[in-house]
Amino acid sequence: MVTDAQQACFEAGIKFGSLYHQFAGTPVSPDSAPSLERAMAEAIENQPFCASVSVDIDADALAEATDDHGYVELTGRFIEVEMRIEYEGVVVRTAMEMEDGYPLMRLVGVE
């Protein structure tokens, strides 16, 4: 039998997988980053049990990496994400940040 806390953590994982794999490779520039942040957050917030999503694309890092055409492909190195999942009274807080060169998705807390 799966507990509510386990199901809430599973839901968080589904949302991270969806967010990362749906948007990785998207052409982005420092100017388009704010609209892409909103689109990413709003897309994930549509999913069941997602209470909130915060996406921050590092515009300074984008500017440094931008190619001659004025954009770069979005990867985890440019993104920080926080999510709050609510399932049957359980609240799961998560984050995605770079750690040792890898976009690590992790549980911050389960309440």
Protein backbone atom coordinates (compact mmCIF):
# COMPACT_ATOMS: atom_id res chain seq x y z
CA MET A 1 0.00 0.00 0.00
CA VAL A 2 1.31 3.43 -0.94
CA THR A 3 1.18 6.16 1.70
CA ASP A 4 -0.05 9.68 0.94
CA ALA A 5 3.49 11.00 1.50
CA GLN A 6 4.90 8.51 -1.00
CA GLN A 7 2.25 9.43 -3.56
CA ALA A 8 2.94 13.15 -3.05
CA CYS A 9 6.67 12.54 -3.65
CA PHE A 10 5.84 10.55 -6.78
CA GLU A 11 3.71 13.45 -8.03
CA ALA A 12 6.65 15.81 -7.51
CA GLY A 13 8.88 13.53 -9.56
CA ILE A 14 6.37 13.40 -12.39
CA LYS A 15 6.22 17.19 -12.48
CA PHE A 16 10.02 17.54 -12.54
CA GLY A 17 10.31 15.03 -15.36
CA SER A 18 7.65 16.84 -17.32
CA LEU A 19 9.16 20.27 -16.74
CA TYR A 20 12.70 19.31 -17.61
CA HIS A 21 12.07 17.11 -20.62
CA GLN A 22 9.34 19.30 -22.09
CA PHE A 23 11.49 22.45 -22.10
CA ALA A 24 15.10 21.24 -22.44
CA GLY A 25 16.41 22.38 -25.81
CA THR A 26 14.04 25.33 -26.11
CA PRO A 27 15.74 28.29 -27.79
CA VAL A 28 16.04 31.06 -25.18
CA SER A 29 17.70 34.46 -24.94
CA PRO A 30 18.08 36.86 -22.03
CA ASP A 31 15.13 38.85 -23.45
CA SER A 32 12.83 35.84 -23.79
CA ALA A 33 13.76 34.23 -20.45
CA PRO A 34 11.00 35.90 -18.36
CA SER A 35 8.22 34.74 -20.69
CA LEU A 36 9.68 31.23 -20.79
CA GLU A 37 9.85 31.17 -16.97
CA ARG A 38 6.14 32.00 -16.83
CA ALA A 39 5.24 29.45 -19.50
CA MET A 40 7.15 26.70 -17.72
CA ALA A 41 5.58 27.46 -14.34
CA GLU A 42 2.06 27.77 -15.75
CA ALA A 43 2.38 24.52 -17.72
CA ILE A 44 3.39 22.56 -14.63
CA GLU A 45 0.83 24.26 -12.38
CA ASN A 46 -1.88 22.83 -14.66
CA GLN A 47 -1.02 19.33 -13.45
CA PRO A 48 -2.96 17.74 -10.59
CA PHE A 49 -1.79 18.38 -7.02
CA CYS A 50 0.64 21.14 -8.02
CA ALA A 51 0.10 24.06 -5.66
CA SER A 52 2.89 26.33 -6.92
CA VAL A 53 5.94 26.44 -9.17
CA SER A 54 8.71 29.00 -9.32
CA VAL A 55 11.10 28.95 -12.30
CA ASP A 56 14.16 31.18 -12.42
CA ILE A 57 16.25 31.27 -15.59
CA ASP A 58 19.67 32.83 -15.03
CA ALA A 59 19.69 35.64 -17.61
CA ASP A 60 23.33 36.52 -16.88
CA ALA A 61 24.45 32.96 -17.60
CA LEU A 62 22.32 32.99 -20.76
CA ALA A 63 23.98 36.20 -21.91
CA GLU A 64 27.43 34.65 -21.46
CA ALA A 65 26.45 31.50 -23.36
CA THR A 66 24.44 33.13 -26.15
CA ASP A 67 25.67 32.25 -29.63
CA ASP A 68 26.07 34.48 -32.69
CA HIS A 69 22.34 34.14 -33.41
CA GLY A 70 21.35 35.67 -30.05
CA TYR A 71 20.11 32.59 -28.25
CA VAL A 72 21.14 29.34 -26.59
CA GLU A 73 19.36 26.04 -25.97
CA LEU A 74 17.85 25.78 -22.51
CA THR A 75 19.54 23.25 -20.24
CA GLY A 76 19.47 22.57 -16.53
CA ARG A 77 22.52 24.73 -15.93
CA PHE A 78 20.40 27.84 -16.55
CA ILE A 79 17.36 26.89 -14.44
CA GLU A 80 16.42 26.89 -10.76
CA VAL A 81 13.00 25.52 -9.85
CA GLU A 82 10.97 25.27 -6.67
CA MET A 83 7.69 23.37 -6.46
CA ARG A 84 5.06 22.78 -3.84
CA ILE A 85 2.90 19.68 -4.22
CA GLU A 86 -0.18 19.08 -2.07
CA TYR A 87 -1.73 15.62 -1.93
CA GLU A 88 -4.30 14.47 0.64
CA GLY A 89 -3.01 16.85 3.30
CA VAL A 90 0.68 16.13 2.60
CA VAL A 91 2.85 19.01 1.40
CA VAL A 92 6.02 18.25 -0.55
CA ARG A 93 8.53 20.99 -1.27
CA THR A 94 11.13 20.40 -3.96
CA ALA A 95 13.97 22.22 -5.69
CA MET A 96 16.17 21.85 -8.74
CA GLU A 97 19.60 23.48 -8.62
CA MET A 98 22.99 22.84 -10.12
CA GLU A 99 25.18 20.61 -7.98
CA ASP A 100 28.61 19.49 -9.17
CA GLY A 101 27.70 20.41 -12.75
CA TYR A 102 24.39 18.51 -12.72
CA PRO A 103 20.81 19.86 -12.45
CA LEU A 104 19.89 17.99 -9.26
CA MET A 105 16.18 17.61 -8.47
CA ARG A 106 15.59 16.97 -4.79
CA LEU A 107 13.06 16.86 -1.99
CA VAL A 108 13.38 19.80 0.37
CA GLY A 109 10.70 18.69 2.78
CA VAL A 110 7.68 16.47 3.33
CA GLU A 111 5.12 17.73 5.80
